[in-house]
Amino acid sequence: MTIERILLFLCVLCAFSFAVFAVKLNFKRKDRKEERRKARKARKEFFQLAKVLFKLLLRIIKG
């Protein structure tokens, strides 16, 4: 792997970690109806983001 690919991999990993952290914060605050709705929306967005990031990681690894 070249340095550029390693840096790109680390950036994607950081973005993924941040997304996981943001979703965990939303899960903790789902005591009201609107909060549950927001948490569902955040989960949906998170899984879409995870799918894109996973595809990007595969592309980086394959070269």
PDB file of N, CA and C in Angstrom:
ATOM      1  N   MET A   1       0.834  -1.201   0.000  1.00  0.00           N
ATOM      2  CA  MET A   1       0.000   0.000   0.000  1.00  0.00           C
ATOM      3  C   MET A   1       0.868   1.250   0.000  1.00  0.00           C
ATOM      4  N   THR A   2       0.455   2.220  -0.764  1.00  0.00           N
ATOM      5  CA  THR A   2       1.193   3.478  -0.771  1.00  0.00           C
ATOM      6  C   THR A   2       0.736   4.347   0.399  1.00  0.00           C
ATOM      7  N   ILE A   3       1.476   5.390   0.630  1.00  0.00           N
ATOM      8  CA  ILE A   3       1.153   6.296   1.740  1.00  0.00           C
ATOM      9  C   ILE A   3      -0.218   6.939   1.528  1.00  0.00           C
ATOM     10  N   GLU A   4      -0.535   7.295   0.272  1.00  0.00           N
ATOM     11  CA  GLU A   4      -1.836   7.918   0.000  1.00  0.00           C
ATOM     12  C   GLU A   4      -2.980   6.977   0.353  1.00  0.00           C
ATOM     13  N   ARG A   5      -2.834   5.710   0.021  1.00  0.00           N
ATOM     14  CA  ARG A   5      -3.891   4.743   0.329  1.00  0.00           C
ATOM     15  C   ARG A   5      -4.022   4.538   1.825  1.00  0.00           C
ATOM     16  N   ILE A   6      -2.906   4.508   2.510  1.00  0.00           N
ATOM     17  CA  ILE A   6      -2.950   4.348   3.964  1.00  0.00           C
ATOM     18  C   ILE A   6      -3.651   5.541   4.607  1.00  0.00           C
ATOM     19  N   LEU A   7      -3.325   6.757   4.148  1.00  0.00           N
ATOM     20  CA  LEU A   7      -3.982   7.949   4.692  1.00  0.00           C
ATOM     21  C   LEU A   7      -5.473   7.959   4.371  1.00  0.00           C
ATOM     22  N   LEU A   8      -5.832   7.563   3.162  1.00  0.00           N
ATOM     23  CA  LEU A   8      -7.243   7.502   2.793  1.00  0.00           C
ATOM     24  C   LEU A   8      -7.972   6.468   3.654  1.00  0.00           C
ATOM     25  N   PHE A   9      -7.329   5.339   3.882  1.00  0.00           N
ATOM     26  CA  PHE A   9      -7.901   4.297   4.738  1.00  0.00           C
ATOM     27  C   PHE A   9      -8.140   4.837   6.145  1.00  0.00           C
ATOM     28  N   LEU A  10      -7.172   5.570   6.686  1.00  0.00           N
ATOM     29  CA  LEU A  10      -7.324   6.137   8.031  1.00  0.00           C
ATOM     30  C   LEU A  10      -8.442   7.173   8.076  1.00  0.00           C
ATOM     31  N   CYS A  11      -8.574   7.981   7.026  1.00  0.00           N
ATOM     32  CA  CYS A  11      -9.653   8.974   6.979  1.00  0.00           C
ATOM     33  C   CYS A  11     -11.017   8.292   6.966  1.00  0.00           C
ATOM     34  N   VAL A  12     -11.139   7.237   6.163  1.00  0.00           N
ATOM     35  CA  VAL A  12     -12.401   6.504   6.099  1.00  0.00           C
ATOM     36  C   VAL A  12     -12.694   5.854   7.447  1.00  0.00           C
ATOM     37  N   LEU A  13     -11.686   5.308   8.070  1.00  0.00           N
ATOM     38  CA  LEU A  13     -11.856   4.684   9.377  1.00  0.00           C
ATOM     39  C   LEU A  13     -12.308   5.695  10.425  1.00  0.00           C
ATOM     40  N   CYS A  14     -11.733   6.892  10.390  1.00  0.00           N
ATOM     41  CA  CYS A  14     -12.139   7.952  11.327  1.00  0.00           C
ATOM     42  C   CYS A  14     -13.591   8.371  11.081  1.00  0.00           C
ATOM     43  N   ALA A  15     -13.969   8.503   9.818  1.00  0.00           N
ATOM     44  CA  ALA A  15     -15.350   8.884   9.498  1.00  0.00           C
ATOM     45  C   ALA A  15     -16.319   7.808   9.988  1.00  0.00           C
ATOM     46  N   PHE A  16     -15.947   6.556   9.798  1.00  0.00           N
ATOM     47  CA  PHE A  16     -16.788   5.452  10.249  1.00  0.00           C
ATOM     48  C   PHE A  16     -16.919   5.465  11.769  1.00  0.00           C
ATOM     49  N   SER A  17     -15.817   5.689  12.466  1.00  0.00           N
ATOM     50  CA  SER A  17     -15.839   5.746  13.931  1.00  0.00           C
ATOM     51  C   SER A  17     -16.715   6.892  14.421  1.00  0.00           C
ATOM     52  N   PHE A  18     -16.625   8.033  13.768  1.00  0.00           N
ATOM     53  CA  PHE A  18     -17.444   9.178  14.145  1.00  0.00           C
ATOM     54  C   PHE A  18     -18.930   8.874  13.932  1.00  0.00           C
ATOM     55  N   ALA A  19     -19.246   8.199  12.824  1.00  0.00           N
ATOM     56  CA  ALA A  19     -20.640   7.840  12.559  1.00  0.00           C
ATOM     57  C   ALA A  19     -21.176   6.898  13.631  1.00  0.00           C
ATOM     58  N   VAL A  20     -20.375   5.932  14.029  1.00  0.00           N
ATOM     59  CA  VAL A  20     -20.787   5.004  15.086  1.00  0.00           C
ATOM     60  C   VAL A  20     -21.030   5.762  16.386  1.00  0.00           C
ATOM     61  N   PHE A  21     -20.147   6.679  16.723  1.00  0.00           N
ATOM     62  CA  PHE A  21     -20.283   7.468  17.941  1.00  0.00           C
ATOM     63  C   PHE A  21     -21.558   8.310  17.902  1.00  0.00           C
ATOM     64  N   ALA A  22     -21.838   8.943  16.765  1.00  0.00           N
ATOM     65  CA  ALA A  22     -23.028   9.787  16.637  1.00  0.00           C
ATOM     66  C   ALA A  22     -24.304   8.955  16.789  1.00  0.00           C
ATOM     67  N   VAL A  23     -24.320   7.776  16.215  1.00  0.00           N
ATOM     68  CA  VAL A  23     -25.500   6.917  16.324  1.00  0.00           C
ATOM     69  C   VAL A  23     -25.684   6.441  17.763  1.00  0.00           C
ATOM     70  N   LYS A  24     -24.594   6.123  18.451  1.00  0.00           N
ATOM     71  CA  LYS A  24     -24.706   5.694  19.850  1.00  0.00           C
ATOM     72  C   LYS A  24     -25.282   6.804  20.707  1.00  0.00           C
ATOM     73  N   LEU A  25     -24.914   8.046  20.434  1.00  0.00           N
ATOM     74  CA  LEU A  25     -25.481   9.159  21.193  1.00  0.00           C
ATOM     75  C   LEU A  25     -26.982   9.257  20.965  1.00  0.00           C
ATOM     76  N   ASN A  26     -27.409   9.048  19.728  1.00  0.00           N
ATOM     77  CA  ASN A  26     -28.842   9.102  19.425  1.00  0.00           C
ATOM     78  C   ASN A  26     -29.595   7.971  20.112  1.00  0.00           C
ATOM     79  N   PHE A  27     -29.004   6.783  20.208  1.00  0.00           N
ATOM     80  CA  PHE A  27     -29.677   5.653  20.834  1.00  0.00           C
ATOM     81  C   PHE A  27     -29.924   5.907  22.316  1.00  0.00           C
ATOM     82  N   LYS A  28     -29.025   6.615  22.968  1.00  0.00           N
ATOM     83  CA  LYS A  28     -29.155   6.853  24.402  1.00  0.00           C
ATOM     84  C   LYS A  28     -30.305   7.805  24.737  1.00  0.00           C
ATOM     85  N   ARG A  29     -30.711   8.630  23.777  1.00  0.00           N
ATOM     86  CA  ARG A  29     -31.713   9.652  24.056  1.00  0.00           C
ATOM     87  C   ARG A  29     -33.075   9.328  23.446  1.00  0.00           C
ATOM     88  N   LYS A  30     -33.424   8.085  23.295  1.00  0.00           N
ATOM     89  CA  LYS A  30     -34.669   7.749  22.601  1.00  0.00           C
ATOM     90  C   LYS A  30     -35.822   7.467  23.559  1.00  0.00           C
ATOM     91  N   ASP A  31     -36.025   8.325  24.542  1.00  0.00           N
ATOM     92  CA  ASP A  31     -37.087   8.096  25.512  1.00  0.00           C
ATOM     93  C   ASP A  31     -38.425   8.678  25.062  1.00  0.00           C
ATOM     94  N   ARG A  32     -38.432   9.639  24.170  1.00  0.00           N
ATOM     95  CA  ARG A  32     -39.690  10.222  23.695  1.00  0.00           C
ATOM     96  C   ARG A  32     -39.959   9.795  22.256  1.00  0.00           C
ATOM     97  N   LYS A  33     -41.182   9.986  21.836  1.00  0.00           N
ATOM     98  CA  LYS A  33     -41.581   9.528  20.497  1.00  0.00           C
ATOM     99  C   LYS A  33     -40.743  10.189  19.404  1.00  0.00           C
ATOM    100  N   GLU A  34     -40.556  11.481  19.505  1.00  0.00           N
ATOM    101  CA  GLU A  34     -39.775  12.178  18.486  1.00  0.00           C
ATOM    102  C   GLU A  34     -38.307  11.755  18.509  1.00  0.00           C
ATOM    103  N   GLU A  35     -37.810  11.508  19.695  1.00  0.00           N
ATOM    104  CA  GLU A  35     -36.422  11.053  19.805  1.00  0.00           C
ATOM    105  C   GLU A  35     -36.259   9.676  19.160  1.00  0.00           C
ATOM    106  N   ARG A  36     -37.265   8.812  19.324  1.00  0.00           N
ATOM    107  CA  ARG A  36     -37.202   7.493  18.678  1.00  0.00           C
ATOM    108  C   ARG A  36     -37.221   7.641  17.162  1.00  0.00           C
ATOM    109  N   ARG A  37     -38.022   8.576  16.682  1.00  0.00           N
ATOM    110  CA  ARG A  37     -38.083   8.813  15.239  1.00  0.00           C
ATOM    111  C   ARG A  37     -36.729   9.306  14.724  1.00  0.00           C
ATOM    112  N   LYS A  38     -36.122  10.203  15.464  1.00  0.00           N
ATOM    113  CA  LYS A  38     -34.795  10.694  15.082  1.00  0.00           C
ATOM    114  C   LYS A  38     -33.757   9.574  15.111  1.00  0.00           C
ATOM    115  N   ALA A  39     -33.860   8.703  16.108  1.00  0.00           N
ATOM    116  CA  ALA A  39     -32.917   7.587  16.217  1.00  0.00           C
ATOM    117  C   ALA A  39     -33.078   6.628  15.044  1.00  0.00           C
ATOM    118  N   ARG A  40     -34.320   6.378  14.638  1.00  0.00           N
ATOM    119  CA  ARG A  40     -34.540   5.506  13.468  1.00  0.00           C
ATOM    120  C   ARG A  40     -33.941   6.123  12.212  1.00  0.00           C
ATOM    121  N   LYS A  41     -34.142   7.428  12.060  1.00  0.00           N
ATOM    122  CA  LYS A  41     -33.589   8.118  10.899  1.00  0.00           C
ATOM    123  C   LYS A  41     -32.057   8.072  10.932  1.00  0.00           C
ATOM    124  N   ALA A  42     -31.479   8.275  12.108  1.00  0.00           N
ATOM    125  CA  ALA A  42     -30.021   8.238  12.246  1.00  0.00           C
ATOM    126  C   ALA A  42     -29.485   6.842  11.939  1.00  0.00           C
ATOM    127  N   ARG A  43     -30.208   5.815  12.393  1.00  0.00           N
ATOM    128  CA  ARG A  43     -29.787   4.441  12.094  1.00  0.00           C
ATOM    129  C   ARG A  43     -29.798   4.180  10.598  1.00  0.00           C
ATOM    130  N   LYS A  44     -30.852   4.633   9.934  1.00  0.00           N
ATOM    131  CA  LYS A  44     -30.963   4.431   8.486  1.00  0.00           C
ATOM    132  C   LYS A  44     -29.817   5.138   7.772  1.00  0.00           C
ATOM    133  N   GLU A  45     -29.551   6.382   8.159  1.00  0.00           N
ATOM    134  CA  GLU A  45     -28.449   7.134   7.553  1.00  0.00           C
ATOM    135  C   GLU A  45     -27.109   6.471   7.861  1.00  0.00           C
ATOM    136  N   PHE A  46     -26.970   5.954   9.086  1.00  0.00           N
ATOM    137  CA  PHE A  46     -25.726   5.298   9.465  1.00  0.00           C
ATOM    138  C   PHE A  46     -25.470   4.069   8.606  1.00  0.00           C
ATOM    139  N   PHE A  47     -26.489   3.250   8.404  1.00  0.00           N
ATOM    140  CA  PHE A  47     -26.276   2.041   7.622  1.00  0.00           C
ATOM    141  C   PHE A  47     -26.000   2.366   6.154  1.00  0.00           C
ATOM    142  N   GLN A  48     -26.601   3.441   5.638  1.00  0.00           N
ATOM    143  CA  GLN A  48     -26.271   3.867   4.275  1.00  0.00           C
ATOM    144  C   GLN A  48     -24.817   4.323   4.214  1.00  0.00           C
ATOM    145  N   LEU A  49     -24.388   5.084   5.206  1.00  0.00           N
ATOM    146  CA  LEU A  49     -23.012   5.552   5.256  1.00  0.00           C
ATOM    147  C   LEU A  49     -22.047   4.378   5.416  1.00  0.00           C
ATOM    148  N   ALA A  50     -22.402   3.439   6.267  1.00  0.00           N
ATOM    149  CA  ALA A  50     -21.544   2.267   6.478  1.00  0.00           C
ATOM    150  C   ALA A  50     -21.380   1.480   5.185  1.00  0.00           C
ATOM    151  N   LYS A  51     -22.455   1.361   4.432  1.00  0.00           N
ATOM    152  CA  LYS A  51     -22.399   0.630   3.159  1.00  0.00           C
ATOM    153  C   LYS A  51     -21.443   1.321   2.186  1.00  0.00           C
ATOM    154  N   VAL A  52     -21.549   2.636   2.090  1.00  0.00           N
ATOM    155  CA  VAL A  52     -20.667   3.395   1.198  1.00  0.00           C
ATOM    156  C   VAL A  52     -19.216   3.298   1.658  1.00  0.00           C
ATOM    157  N   LEU A  53     -18.993   3.461   2.957  1.00  0.00           N
ATOM    158  CA  LEU A  53     -17.627   3.388   3.482  1.00  0.00           C
ATOM    159  C   LEU A  53     -17.019   2.003   3.305  1.00  0.00           C
ATOM    160  N   PHE A  54     -17.836   0.968   3.465  1.00  0.00           N
ATOM    161  CA  PHE A  54     -17.335  -0.390   3.280  1.00  0.00           C
ATOM    162  C   PHE A  54     -16.919  -0.621   1.830  1.00  0.00           C
ATOM    163  N   LYS A  55     -17.735  -0.141   0.893  1.00  0.00           N
ATOM    164  CA  LYS A  55     -17.378  -0.266  -0.524  1.00  0.00           C
ATOM    165  C   LYS A  55     -16.091   0.498  -0.824  1.00  0.00           C
ATOM    166  N   LEU A  56     -15.948   1.675  -0.229  1.00  0.00           N
ATOM    167  CA  LEU A  56     -14.739   2.465  -0.430  1.00  0.00           C
ATOM    168  C   LEU A  56     -13.522   1.744   0.149  1.00  0.00           C
ATOM    169  N   LEU A  57     -13.679   1.153   1.321  1.00  0.00           N
ATOM    170  CA  LEU A  57     -12.578   0.392   1.915  1.00  0.00           C
ATOM    171  C   LEU A  57     -12.172  -0.777   1.024  1.00  0.00           C
ATOM    172  N   LEU A  58     -13.151  -1.487   0.482  1.00  0.00           N
ATOM    173  CA  LEU A  58     -12.825  -2.602  -0.416  1.00  0.00           C
ATOM    174  C   LEU A  58     -12.076  -2.111  -1.640  1.00  0.00           C
ATOM    175  N   ARG A  59     -12.501  -0.975  -2.168  1.00  0.00           N
ATOM    176  CA  ARG A  59     -11.833  -0.408  -3.345  1.00  0.00           C
ATOM    177  C   ARG A  59     -10.397  -0.014  -3.011  1.00  0.00           C
ATOM    178  N   ILE A  60     -10.183   0.543  -1.815  1.00  0.00           N
ATOM    179  CA  ILE A  60      -8.836   0.941  -1.400  1.00  0.00           C
ATOM    180  C   ILE A  60      -7.944  -0.289  -1.244  1.00  0.00           C
ATOM    181  N   ILE A  61      -8.490  -1.322  -0.605  1.00  0.00           N
ATOM    182  CA  ILE A  61      -7.693  -2.521  -0.351  1.00  0.00           C
ATOM    183  C   ILE A  61      -7.338  -3.237  -1.658  1.00  0.00           C
ATOM    184  N   LYS A  62      -8.298  -3.325  -2.562  1.00  0.00           N
ATOM    185  CA  LYS A  62      -8.042  -4.004  -3.840  1.00  0.00           C
ATOM    186  C   LYS A  62      -7.051  -3.231  -4.702  1.00  0.00           C
ATOM    187  N   GLY A  63      -7.040  -1.935  -4.554  1.00  0.00           N
ATOM    188  CA  GLY A  63      -6.085  -1.108  -5.281  1.00  0.00           C
ATOM    189  C   GLY A  63      -6.638  -0.670  -6.575  1.00  0.00           C
TER     190      GLY A  63
END
